[in-house]
Amino acid sequence: GVDEPHQMMIFRIIAAILHLGNLEIQVERDGEACSISSEDEHLNKFCSLLGVELSQMQHWLCHLK
């Protein structure tokens, strides 16, 4: 009972979440910091699917505020 445009939006969100789970996060400074490579294919696909800026997502996944 879900029309096709809504189905595609749901599929995009689910695909993005699955890609987010595959990110490779590098630990730095004995576990006090982390980073994500801008070359990570899963981060690129996640940002593309949701239409968010890669550099902002890369930053906020690694910072608490």
Protein backbone atom coordinates (compact mmCIF):
# COMPACT_ATOMS: atom_id res chain seq x y z
CA GLY A 1 0.00 0.00 0.00
CA VAL A 2 3.03 2.33 -0.27
CA ASP A 3 3.32 4.24 -3.54
CA GLU A 4 6.50 3.99 -5.61
CA PRO A 5 8.08 7.40 -4.76
CA HIS A 6 7.75 6.65 -1.03
CA GLN A 7 9.15 3.14 -1.55
CA MET A 8 12.20 4.56 -3.29
CA MET A 9 12.75 7.06 -0.45
CA ILE A 10 12.52 4.24 2.11
CA PHE A 11 14.98 2.13 0.08
CA ARG A 12 17.43 5.06 -0.12
CA ILE A 13 17.31 5.57 3.64
CA ILE A 14 17.80 1.86 4.33
CA ALA A 15 20.69 1.67 1.85
CA ALA A 16 22.31 4.72 3.47
CA ILE A 17 22.02 3.17 6.93
CA LEU A 18 23.61 -0.05 5.68
CA HIS A 19 26.50 1.91 4.15
CA LEU A 20 26.93 3.85 7.40
CA GLY A 21 27.43 0.53 9.19
CA ASN A 22 30.31 -0.32 6.85
CA LEU A 23 32.37 2.84 7.48
CA GLU A 24 35.99 2.31 8.44
CA ILE A 25 36.76 4.55 11.39
CA GLN A 26 40.44 5.00 12.24
CA VAL A 27 41.28 5.40 15.91
CA GLU A 28 43.84 8.08 16.78
CA ARG A 29 45.65 9.24 19.92
CA ASP A 30 45.12 6.04 21.94
CA GLY A 31 41.37 6.04 21.39
CA GLU A 32 40.85 9.72 22.24
CA ALA A 33 40.03 10.71 18.67
CA CYS A 34 38.97 9.17 15.38
CA SER A 35 38.83 9.98 11.70
CA ILE A 36 37.13 8.75 8.56
CA SER A 37 38.86 8.88 5.20
CA SER A 38 37.18 11.09 2.62
CA GLU A 39 38.02 8.31 0.16
CA ASP A 40 35.82 5.79 2.03
CA GLU A 41 33.39 4.45 -0.58
CA HIS A 42 30.67 3.82 2.01
CA LEU A 43 30.81 7.40 3.29
CA ASN A 44 30.59 8.68 -0.28
CA LYS A 45 27.57 6.49 -1.05
CA PHE A 46 25.91 7.41 2.26
CA CYS A 47 26.25 11.13 1.50
CA SER A 48 25.12 10.67 -2.07
CA LEU A 49 22.01 8.72 -1.08
CA LEU A 50 20.93 11.24 1.54
CA GLY A 51 22.16 14.37 -0.25
CA VAL A 52 24.38 15.57 2.58
CA GLU A 53 27.78 17.23 2.35
CA LEU A 54 30.64 14.74 2.71
CA SER A 55 32.98 16.99 4.69
CA GLN A 56 30.27 17.90 7.20
CA MET A 57 29.25 14.27 7.71
CA GLN A 58 32.89 13.22 8.01
CA HIS A 59 33.41 15.89 10.70
CA TRP A 60 30.27 15.29 12.76
CA LEU A 61 30.60 11.51 12.84
CA CYS A 62 33.86 12.03 14.71
CA HIS A 63 32.93 14.93 17.05
CA LEU A 64 30.55 14.91 19.99
CA LYS A 65 29.06 18.40 19.77
